[in-house]
Amino acid sequence: MSAVIEIVQGVGSIFLTLVNVYVWVIIISALLSFVNPDPYNPIVQFLNRVTHPAYSLVRRFIPTNFNGIDLAPLVIVVALQIVIVLISVLLNSLH
């Protein structure tokens, strides 16, 4: 049974790492939106392709545009931080 727990913890750690990377991608994308980057830049295109589906999902359920500022990245980052805390607690409880 110990091997199964270690496998679950390993997969959970990989998942937490991917979620953390996505949080940073969202933060970088939000910061870039303030400087109006070149839309033909491959990095900007990649960031838009990766973050646009999440922004669209949040915008469908929550109005996130307040006084010209889009708060969708903030909502997503907070939700992902909650997911990180919950998964971390679950993985630590397996010991």
PDB file of N, CA and C in Angstrom:
ATOM      1  N   MET A   1       0.812  -1.189   0.000  1.00  0.00           N
ATOM      2  CA  MET A   1       0.000   0.000   0.000  1.00  0.00           C
ATOM      3  C   MET A   1       0.861   1.260   0.000  1.00  0.00           C
ATOM      4  N   SER A   2       2.061   1.151   0.545  1.00  0.00           N
ATOM      5  CA  SER A   2       2.958   2.303   0.611  1.00  0.00           C
ATOM      6  C   SER A   2       3.363   2.772  -0.785  1.00  0.00           C
ATOM      7  N   ALA A   3       3.522   1.832  -1.713  1.00  0.00           N
ATOM      8  CA  ALA A   3       3.917   2.191  -3.073  1.00  0.00           C
ATOM      9  C   ALA A   3       2.808   2.980  -3.765  1.00  0.00           C
ATOM     10  N   VAL A   4       1.567   2.606  -3.523  1.00  0.00           N
ATOM     11  CA  VAL A   4       0.443   3.319  -4.127  1.00  0.00           C
ATOM     12  C   VAL A   4       0.384   4.751  -3.597  1.00  0.00           C
ATOM     13  N   ILE A   5       0.613   4.913  -2.307  1.00  0.00           N
ATOM     14  CA  ILE A   5       0.598   6.252  -1.709  1.00  0.00           C
ATOM     15  C   ILE A   5       1.711   7.107  -2.302  1.00  0.00           C
ATOM     16  N   GLU A   6       2.879   6.535  -2.471  1.00  0.00           N
ATOM     17  CA  GLU A   6       3.999   7.284  -3.048  1.00  0.00           C
ATOM     18  C   GLU A   6       3.726   7.664  -4.504  1.00  0.00           C
ATOM     19  N   ILE A   7       3.081   6.776  -5.250  1.00  0.00           N
ATOM     20  CA  ILE A   7       2.727   7.092  -6.639  1.00  0.00           C
ATOM     21  C   ILE A   7       1.710   8.229  -6.674  1.00  0.00           C
ATOM     22  N   VAL A   8       0.709   8.171  -5.816  1.00  0.00           N
ATOM     23  CA  VAL A   8      -0.299   9.229  -5.759  1.00  0.00           C
ATOM     24  C   VAL A   8       0.346  10.551  -5.367  1.00  0.00           C
ATOM     25  N   GLN A   9       1.267  10.521  -4.406  1.00  0.00           N
ATOM     26  CA  GLN A   9       1.952  11.752  -4.007  1.00  0.00           C
ATOM     27  C   GLN A   9       2.828  12.292  -5.132  1.00  0.00           C
ATOM     28  N   GLY A  10       3.462  11.411  -5.882  1.00  0.00           N
ATOM     29  CA  GLY A  10       4.280  11.843  -7.011  1.00  0.00           C
ATOM     30  C   GLY A  10       3.451  12.481  -8.105  1.00  0.00           C
ATOM     31  N   VAL A  11       2.340  11.852  -8.443  1.00  0.00           N
ATOM     32  CA  VAL A  11       1.447  12.419  -9.462  1.00  0.00           C
ATOM     33  C   VAL A  11       0.857  13.738  -8.964  1.00  0.00           C
ATOM     34  N   GLY A  12       0.514  13.793  -7.683  1.00  0.00           N
ATOM     35  CA  GLY A  12      -0.006  15.027  -7.112  1.00  0.00           C
ATOM     36  C   GLY A  12       1.023  16.145  -7.138  1.00  0.00           C
ATOM     37  N   SER A  13       2.275  15.806  -6.884  1.00  0.00           N
ATOM     38  CA  SER A  13       3.339  16.812  -6.931  1.00  0.00           C
ATOM     39  C   SER A  13       3.533  17.338  -8.345  1.00  0.00           C
ATOM     40  N   ILE A  14       3.466  16.456  -9.325  1.00  0.00           N
ATOM     41  CA  ILE A  14       3.572  16.884 -10.722  1.00  0.00           C
ATOM     42  C   ILE A  14       2.402  17.798 -11.076  1.00  0.00           C
ATOM     43  N   PHE A  15       1.202  17.436 -10.637  1.00  0.00           N
ATOM     44  CA  PHE A  15       0.026  18.263 -10.892  1.00  0.00           C
ATOM     45  C   PHE A  15       0.169  19.639 -10.247  1.00  0.00           C
ATOM     46  N   LEU A  16       0.662  19.678  -9.003  1.00  0.00           N
ATOM     47  CA  LEU A  16       0.859  20.958  -8.320  1.00  0.00           C
ATOM     48  C   LEU A  16       1.885  21.822  -9.047  1.00  0.00           C
ATOM     49  N   THR A  17       2.928  21.197  -9.563  1.00  0.00           N
ATOM     50  CA  THR A  17       3.932  21.941 -10.320  1.00  0.00           C
ATOM     51  C   THR A  17       3.330  22.535 -11.587  1.00  0.00           C
ATOM     52  N   LEU A  18       2.525  21.760 -12.294  1.00  0.00           N
ATOM     53  CA  LEU A  18       1.877  22.264 -13.507  1.00  0.00           C
ATOM     54  C   LEU A  18       0.919  23.415 -13.206  1.00  0.00           C
ATOM     55  N   VAL A  19       0.198  23.311 -12.102  1.00  0.00           N
ATOM     56  CA  VAL A  19      -0.716  24.391 -11.719  1.00  0.00           C
ATOM     57  C   VAL A  19       0.081  25.646 -11.371  1.00  0.00           C
ATOM     58  N   ASN A  20       1.191  25.481 -10.659  1.00  0.00           N
ATOM     59  CA  ASN A  20       2.038  26.637 -10.333  1.00  0.00           C
ATOM     60  C   ASN A  20       2.599  27.291 -11.591  1.00  0.00           C
ATOM     61  N   VAL A  21       3.017  26.493 -12.551  1.00  0.00           N
ATOM     62  CA  VAL A  21       3.523  27.045 -13.814  1.00  0.00           C
ATOM     63  C   VAL A  21       2.414  27.814 -14.524  1.00  0.00           C
ATOM     64  N   TYR A  22       1.198  27.273 -14.519  1.00  0.00           N
ATOM     65  CA  TYR A  22       0.078  27.957 -15.175  1.00  0.00           C
ATOM     66  C   TYR A  22      -0.250  29.266 -14.464  1.00  0.00           C
ATOM     67  N   VAL A  23      -0.131  29.297 -13.152  1.00  0.00           N
ATOM     68  CA  VAL A  23      -0.347  30.542 -12.416  1.00  0.00           C
ATOM     69  C   VAL A  23       0.646  31.595 -12.893  1.00  0.00           C
ATOM     70  N   TRP A  24       1.905  31.207 -13.066  1.00  0.00           N
ATOM     71  CA  TRP A  24       2.910  32.164 -13.532  1.00  0.00           C
ATOM     72  C   TRP A  24       2.660  32.592 -14.974  1.00  0.00           C
ATOM     73  N   VAL A  25       2.170  31.678 -15.794  1.00  0.00           N
ATOM     74  CA  VAL A  25       1.829  32.039 -17.180  1.00  0.00           C
ATOM     75  C   VAL A  25       0.723  33.086 -17.185  1.00  0.00           C
ATOM     76  N   ILE A  26      -0.263  32.925 -16.330  1.00  0.00           N
ATOM     77  CA  ILE A  26      -1.351  33.900 -16.246  1.00  0.00           C
ATOM     78  C   ILE A  26      -0.839  35.246 -15.742  1.00  0.00           C
ATOM     79  N   ILE A  27       0.036  35.213 -14.750  1.00  0.00           N
ATOM     80  CA  ILE A  27       0.595  36.464 -14.222  1.00  0.00           C
ATOM     81  C   ILE A  27       1.403  37.185 -15.305  1.00  0.00           C
ATOM     82  N   ILE A  28       2.224  36.454 -16.021  1.00  0.00           N
ATOM     83  CA  ILE A  28       3.030  37.060 -17.084  1.00  0.00           C
ATOM     84  C   ILE A  28       2.136  37.619 -18.183  1.00  0.00           C
ATOM     85  N   SER A  29       1.110  36.872 -18.547  1.00  0.00           N
ATOM     86  CA  SER A  29       0.179  37.340 -19.578  1.00  0.00           C
ATOM     87  C   SER A  29      -0.548  38.606 -19.137  1.00  0.00           C
ATOM     88  N   ALA A  30      -0.952  38.655 -17.877  1.00  0.00           N
ATOM     89  CA  ALA A  30      -1.641  39.842 -17.369  1.00  0.00           C
ATOM     90  C   ALA A  30      -0.707  41.047 -17.345  1.00  0.00           C
ATOM     91  N   LEU A  31       0.534  40.841 -16.945  1.00  0.00           N
ATOM     92  CA  LEU A  31       1.489  41.949 -16.930  1.00  0.00           C
ATOM     93  C   LEU A  31       1.794  42.439 -18.338  1.00  0.00           C
ATOM     94  N   LEU A  32       1.881  41.520 -19.286  1.00  0.00           N
ATOM     95  CA  LEU A  32       2.140  41.916 -20.670  1.00  0.00           C
ATOM     96  C   LEU A  32       0.976  42.706 -21.262  1.00  0.00           C
ATOM     97  N   SER A  33      -0.211  42.462 -20.792  1.00  0.00           N
ATOM     98  CA  SER A  33      -1.359  43.181 -21.333  1.00  0.00           C
ATOM     99  C   SER A  33      -1.302  44.671 -21.002  1.00  0.00           C
ATOM    100  N   PHE A  34      -0.544  45.050 -19.984  1.00  0.00           N
ATOM    101  CA  PHE A  34      -0.416  46.465 -19.637  1.00  0.00           C
ATOM    102  C   PHE A  34       0.489  47.224 -20.595  1.00  0.00           C
ATOM    103  N   VAL A  35       1.419  46.522 -21.267  1.00  0.00           N
ATOM    104  CA  VAL A  35       2.370  47.213 -22.139  1.00  0.00           C
ATOM    105  C   VAL A  35       2.014  47.093 -23.614  1.00  0.00           C
ATOM    106  N   ASN A  36       0.912  46.414 -23.927  1.00  0.00           N
ATOM    107  CA  ASN A  36       0.448  46.269 -25.309  1.00  0.00           C
ATOM    108  C   ASN A  36       1.547  45.717 -26.231  1.00  0.00           C
ATOM    109  N   PRO A  37       1.909  44.439 -26.052  1.00  0.00           N
ATOM    110  CA  PRO A  37       2.997  43.868 -26.842  1.00  0.00           C
ATOM    111  C   PRO A  37       2.589  43.605 -28.292  1.00  0.00           C
ATOM    112  N   ASP A  38       3.574  43.303 -29.110  1.00  0.00           N
ATOM    113  CA  ASP A  38       3.357  42.981 -30.518  1.00  0.00           C
ATOM    114  C   ASP A  38       2.539  41.696 -30.623  1.00  0.00           C
ATOM    115  N   PRO A  39       1.354  41.719 -31.224  1.00  0.00           N
ATOM    116  CA  PRO A  39       0.523  40.506 -31.285  1.00  0.00           C
ATOM    117  C   PRO A  39       1.104  39.414 -32.174  1.00  0.00           C
ATOM    118  N   TYR A  40       2.111  39.741 -32.987  1.00  0.00           N
ATOM    119  CA  TYR A  40       2.707  38.733 -33.861  1.00  0.00           C
ATOM    120  C   TYR A  40       3.920  38.055 -33.230  1.00  0.00           C
ATOM    121  N   ASN A  41       4.289  38.469 -32.037  1.00  0.00           N
ATOM    122  CA  ASN A  41       5.385  37.835 -31.323  1.00  0.00           C
ATOM    123  C   ASN A  41       4.951  36.416 -30.935  1.00  0.00           C
ATOM    124  N   PRO A  42       5.792  35.399 -31.198  1.00  0.00           N
ATOM    125  CA  PRO A  42       5.385  34.022 -30.896  1.00  0.00           C
ATOM    126  C   PRO A  42       5.127  33.774 -29.412  1.00  0.00           C
ATOM    127  N   ILE A  43       5.858  34.450 -28.548  1.00  0.00           N
ATOM    128  CA  ILE A  43       5.632  34.254 -27.114  1.00  0.00           C
ATOM    129  C   ILE A  43       4.281  34.825 -26.710  1.00  0.00           C
ATOM    130  N   VAL A  44       3.954  35.985 -27.231  1.00  0.00           N
ATOM    131  CA  VAL A  44       2.661  36.604 -26.931  1.00  0.00           C
ATOM    132  C   VAL A  44       1.528  35.751 -27.491  1.00  0.00           C
ATOM    133  N   GLN A  45       1.702  35.218 -28.680  1.00  0.00           N
ATOM    134  CA  GLN A  45       0.685  34.338 -29.259  1.00  0.00           C
ATOM    135  C   GLN A  45       0.494  33.085 -28.411  1.00  0.00           C
ATOM    136  N   PHE A  46       1.606  32.506 -27.938  1.00  0.00           N
ATOM    137  CA  PHE A  46       1.516  31.321 -27.081  1.00  0.00           C
ATOM    138  C   PHE A  46       0.771  31.648 -25.792  1.00  0.00           C
ATOM    139  N   LEU A  47       1.126  32.757 -25.150  1.00  0.00           N
ATOM    140  CA  LEU A  47       0.464  33.136 -23.906  1.00  0.00           C
ATOM    141  C   LEU A  47      -1.028  33.368 -24.124  1.00  0.00           C
ATOM    142  N   ASN A  48      -1.380  33.991 -25.232  1.00  0.00           N
ATOM    143  CA  ASN A  48      -2.804  34.212 -25.528  1.00  0.00           C
ATOM    144  C   ASN A  48      -3.538  32.902 -25.772  1.00  0.00           C
ATOM    145  N   ARG A  49      -2.908  31.969 -26.500  1.00  0.00           N
ATOM    146  CA  ARG A  49      -3.554  30.674 -26.760  1.00  0.00           C
ATOM    147  C   ARG A  49      -3.738  29.875 -25.476  1.00  0.00           C
ATOM    148  N   VAL A  50      -2.818  29.992 -24.550  1.00  0.00           N
ATOM    149  CA  VAL A  50      -2.885  29.211 -23.317  1.00  0.00           C
ATOM    150  C   VAL A  50      -3.857  29.819 -22.310  1.00  0.00           C
ATOM    151  N   THR A  51      -3.931  31.150 -22.261  1.00  0.00           N
ATOM    152  CA  THR A  51      -4.749  31.786 -21.235  1.00  0.00           C
ATOM    153  C   THR A  51      -6.160  32.157 -21.692  1.00  0.00           C
ATOM    154  N   HIS A  52      -6.368  32.339 -22.979  1.00  0.00           N
ATOM    155  CA  HIS A  52      -7.675  32.780 -23.471  1.00  0.00           C
ATOM    156  C   HIS A  52      -8.824  31.825 -23.096  1.00  0.00           C
ATOM    157  N   PRO A  53      -8.657  30.501 -23.183  1.00  0.00           N
ATOM    158  CA  PRO A  53      -9.784  29.631 -22.785  1.00  0.00           C
ATOM    159  C   PRO A  53     -10.180  29.796 -21.319  1.00  0.00           C
ATOM    160  N   ALA A  54      -9.202  29.965 -20.438  1.00  0.00           N
ATOM    161  CA  ALA A  54      -9.524  30.149 -19.020  1.00  0.00           C
ATOM    162  C   ALA A  54     -10.207  31.488 -18.792  1.00  0.00           C
ATOM    163  N   TYR A  55      -9.720  32.537 -19.466  1.00  0.00           N
ATOM    164  CA  TYR A  55     -10.356  33.849 -19.346  1.00  0.00           C
ATOM    165  C   TYR A  55     -11.799  33.781 -19.838  1.00  0.00           C
ATOM    166  N   SER A  56     -12.026  33.124 -20.954  1.00  0.00           N
ATOM    167  CA  SER A  56     -13.379  33.018 -21.507  1.00  0.00           C
ATOM    168  C   SER A  56     -14.316  32.284 -20.557  1.00  0.00           C
ATOM    169  N   LEU A  57     -13.809  31.234 -19.922  1.00  0.00           N
ATOM    170  CA  LEU A  57     -14.628  30.470 -18.982  1.00  0.00           C
ATOM    171  C   LEU A  57     -15.036  31.334 -17.795  1.00  0.00           C
ATOM    172  N   VAL A  58     -14.098  32.070 -17.249  1.00  0.00           N
ATOM    173  CA  VAL A  58     -14.411  32.930 -16.106  1.00  0.00           C
ATOM    174  C   VAL A  58     -15.362  34.042 -16.516  1.00  0.00           C
ATOM    175  N   ARG A  59     -15.116  34.653 -17.671  1.00  0.00           N
ATOM    176  CA  ARG A  59     -15.956  35.765 -18.130  1.00  0.00           C
ATOM    177  C   ARG A  59     -17.383  35.326 -18.433  1.00  0.00           C
ATOM    178  N   ARG A  60     -17.563  34.049 -18.750  1.00  0.00           N
ATOM    179  CA  ARG A  60     -18.904  33.548 -19.040  1.00  0.00           C
ATOM    180  C   ARG A  60     -19.766  33.545 -17.779  1.00  0.00           C
ATOM    181  N   PHE A  61     -19.160  33.314 -16.610  1.00  0.00           N
ATOM    182  CA  PHE A  61     -19.925  33.189 -15.372  1.00  0.00           C
ATOM    183  C   PHE A  61     -19.846  34.404 -14.458  1.00  0.00           C
ATOM    184  N   ILE A  62     -18.763  35.170 -14.570  1.00  0.00           N
ATOM    185  CA  ILE A  62     -18.557  36.307 -13.673  1.00  0.00           C
ATOM    186  C   ILE A  62     -18.238  37.542 -14.507  1.00  0.00           C
ATOM    187  N   PRO A  63     -18.908  38.663 -14.262  1.00  0.00           N
ATOM    188  CA  PRO A  63     -18.495  39.893 -14.943  1.00  0.00           C
ATOM    189  C   PRO A  63     -17.172  40.375 -14.339  1.00  0.00           C
ATOM    190  N   THR A  64     -16.128  40.394 -15.144  1.00  0.00           N
ATOM    191  CA  THR A  64     -14.802  40.703 -14.615  1.00  0.00           C
ATOM    192  C   THR A  64     -14.245  42.029 -15.099  1.00  0.00           C
ATOM    193  N   ASN A  65     -15.001  42.783 -15.878  1.00  0.00           N
ATOM    194  CA  ASN A  65     -14.514  44.051 -16.392  1.00  0.00           C
ATOM    195  C   ASN A  65     -15.046  45.184 -15.515  1.00  0.00           C
ATOM    196  N   PHE A  66     -14.162  45.784 -14.727  1.00  0.00           N
ATOM    197  CA  PHE A  66     -14.537  46.876 -13.845  1.00  0.00           C
ATOM    198  C   PHE A  66     -13.708  48.102 -14.198  1.00  0.00           C
ATOM    199  N   ASN A  67     -14.379  49.140 -14.671  1.00  0.00           N
ATOM    200  CA  ASN A  67     -13.726  50.405 -15.034  1.00  0.00           C
ATOM    201  C   ASN A  67     -12.580  50.199 -16.027  1.00  0.00           C
ATOM    202  N   GLY A  68     -12.766  49.318 -16.963  1.00  0.00           N
ATOM    203  CA  GLY A  68     -11.751  49.088 -17.989  1.00  0.00           C
ATOM    204  C   GLY A  68     -10.648  48.151 -17.586  1.00  0.00           C
ATOM    205  N   ILE A  69     -10.690  47.616 -16.392  1.00  0.00           N
ATOM    206  CA  ILE A  69      -9.669  46.667 -15.932  1.00  0.00           C
ATOM    207  C   ILE A  69     -10.297  45.285 -15.882  1.00  0.00           C
ATOM    208  N   ASP A  70      -9.646  44.334 -16.551  1.00  0.00           N
ATOM    209  CA  ASP A  70     -10.140  42.963 -16.578  1.00  0.00           C
ATOM    210  C   ASP A  70      -9.575  42.217 -15.377  1.00  0.00           C
ATOM    211  N   LEU A  71     -10.457  41.733 -14.521  1.00  0.00           N
ATOM    212  CA  LEU A  71     -10.041  41.024 -13.321  1.00  0.00           C
ATOM    213  C   LEU A  71     -10.080  39.500 -13.474  1.00  0.00           C
ATOM    214  N   ALA A  72     -10.270  39.011 -14.688  1.00  0.00           N
ATOM    215  CA  ALA A  72     -10.305  37.566 -14.914  1.00  0.00           C
ATOM    216  C   ALA A  72      -9.000  36.891 -14.481  1.00  0.00           C
ATOM    217  N   PRO A  73      -7.818  37.458 -14.780  1.00  0.00           N
ATOM    218  CA  PRO A  73      -6.591  36.806 -14.305  1.00  0.00           C
ATOM    219  C   PRO A  73      -6.536  36.700 -12.783  1.00  0.00           C
ATOM    220  N   LEU A  74      -7.004  37.723 -12.097  1.00  0.00           N
ATOM    221  CA  LEU A  74      -7.002  37.688 -10.634  1.00  0.00           C
ATOM    222  C   LEU A  74      -7.919  36.585 -10.111  1.00  0.00           C
ATOM    223  N   VAL A  75      -9.095  36.462 -10.703  1.00  0.00           N
ATOM    224  CA  VAL A  75     -10.050  35.427 -10.288  1.00  0.00           C
ATOM    225  C   VAL A  75      -9.438  34.038 -10.515  1.00  0.00           C
ATOM    226  N   ILE A  76      -8.788  33.855 -11.647  1.00  0.00           N
ATOM    227  CA  ILE A  76      -8.192  32.554 -11.966  1.00  0.00           C
ATOM    228  C   ILE A  76      -7.043  32.238 -11.020  1.00  0.00           C
ATOM    229  N   VAL A  77      -6.191  33.211 -10.753  1.00  0.00           N
ATOM    230  CA  VAL A  77      -5.056  32.979  -9.860  1.00  0.00           C
ATOM    231  C   VAL A  77      -5.538  32.630  -8.451  1.00  0.00           C
ATOM    232  N   VAL A  78      -6.543  33.334  -7.961  1.00  0.00           N
ATOM    233  CA  VAL A  78      -7.077  33.029  -6.630  1.00  0.00           C
ATOM    234  C   VAL A  78      -7.680  31.625  -6.602  1.00  0.00           C
ATOM    235  N   ALA A  79      -8.434  31.270  -7.634  1.00  0.00           N
ATOM    236  CA  ALA A  79      -9.034  29.924  -7.689  1.00  0.00           C
ATOM    237  C   ALA A  79      -7.949  28.851  -7.746  1.00  0.00           C
ATOM    238  N   LEU A  80      -6.902  29.082  -8.534  1.00  0.00           N
ATOM    239  CA  LEU A  80      -5.828  28.095  -8.620  1.00  0.00           C
ATOM    240  C   LEU A  80      -5.046  28.001  -7.314  1.00  0.00           C
ATOM    241  N   GLN A  81      -4.898  29.102  -6.605  1.00  0.00           N
ATOM    242  CA  GLN A  81      -4.231  29.047  -5.307  1.00  0.00           C
ATOM    243  C   GLN A  81      -5.050  28.230  -4.301  1.00  0.00           C
ATOM    244  N   ILE A  82      -6.364  28.343  -4.372  1.00  0.00           N
ATOM    245  CA  ILE A  82      -7.227  27.523  -3.517  1.00  0.00           C
ATOM    246  C   ILE A  82      -7.061  26.050  -3.870  1.00  0.00           C
ATOM    247  N   VAL A  83      -7.008  25.748  -5.167  1.00  0.00           N
ATOM    248  CA  VAL A  83      -6.793  24.359  -5.601  1.00  0.00           C
ATOM    249  C   VAL A  83      -5.445  23.851  -5.094  1.00  0.00           C
ATOM    250  N   ILE A  84      -4.407  24.673  -5.164  1.00  0.00           N
ATOM    251  CA  ILE A  84      -3.079  24.268  -4.703  1.00  0.00           C
ATOM    252  C   ILE A  84      -3.109  23.942  -3.214  1.00  0.00           C
ATOM    253  N   VAL A  85      -3.766  24.778  -2.428  1.00  0.00           N
ATOM    254  CA  VAL A  85      -3.834  24.532  -0.987  1.00  0.00           C
ATOM    255  C   VAL A  85      -4.605  23.246  -0.695  1.00  0.00           C
ATOM    256  N   LEU A  86      -5.729  23.045  -1.357  1.00  0.00           N
ATOM    257  CA  LEU A  86      -6.534  21.846  -1.112  1.00  0.00           C
ATOM    258  C   LEU A  86      -5.781  20.573  -1.493  1.00  0.00           C
ATOM    259  N   ILE A  87      -5.121  20.590  -2.649  1.00  0.00           N
ATOM    260  CA  ILE A  87      -4.376  19.400  -3.082  1.00  0.00           C
ATOM    261  C   ILE A  87      -3.192  19.150  -2.151  1.00  0.00           C
ATOM    262  N   SER A  88      -2.529  20.216  -1.713  1.00  0.00           N
ATOM    263  CA  SER A  88      -1.398  20.048  -0.802  1.00  0.00           C
ATOM    264  C   SER A  88      -1.849  19.424   0.518  1.00  0.00           C
ATOM    265  N   VAL A  89      -2.990  19.882   1.031  1.00  0.00           N
ATOM    266  CA  VAL A  89      -3.513  19.316   2.282  1.00  0.00           C
ATOM    267  C   VAL A  89      -3.863  17.845   2.079  1.00  0.00           C
ATOM    268  N   LEU A  90      -4.480  17.513   0.969  1.00  0.00           N
ATOM    269  CA  LEU A  90      -4.827  16.113   0.704  1.00  0.00           C
ATOM    270  C   LEU A  90      -3.588  15.233   0.578  1.00  0.00           C
ATOM    271  N   LEU A  91      -2.573  15.750  -0.108  1.00  0.00           N
ATOM    272  CA  LEU A  91      -1.359  14.955  -0.269  1.00  0.00           C
ATOM    273  C   LEU A  91      -0.610  14.799   1.053  1.00  0.00           C
ATOM    274  N   ASN A  92      -0.620  15.832   1.878  1.00  0.00           N
ATOM    275  CA  ASN A  92       0.052  15.734   3.176  1.00  0.00           C
ATOM    276  C   ASN A  92      -0.694  14.827   4.138  1.00  0.00           C
ATOM    277  N   SER A  93      -2.001  14.669   3.957  1.00  0.00           N
ATOM    278  CA  SER A  93      -2.771  13.795   4.829  1.00  0.00           C
ATOM    279  C   SER A  93      -2.561  12.320   4.504  1.00  0.00           C
ATOM    280  N   LEU A  94      -1.901  12.021   3.405  1.00  0.00           N
ATOM    281  CA  LEU A  94      -1.663  10.627   3.043  1.00  0.00           C
ATOM    282  C   LEU A  94      -0.542   9.992   3.842  1.00  0.00           C
ATOM    283  N   HIS A  95       0.254  10.792   4.521  1.00  0.00           N
ATOM    284  CA  HIS A  95       1.378  10.235   5.293  1.00  0.00           C
ATOM    285  C   HIS A  95       0.920   9.314   6.364  1.00  0.00           C
TER     286      HIS A  95
END
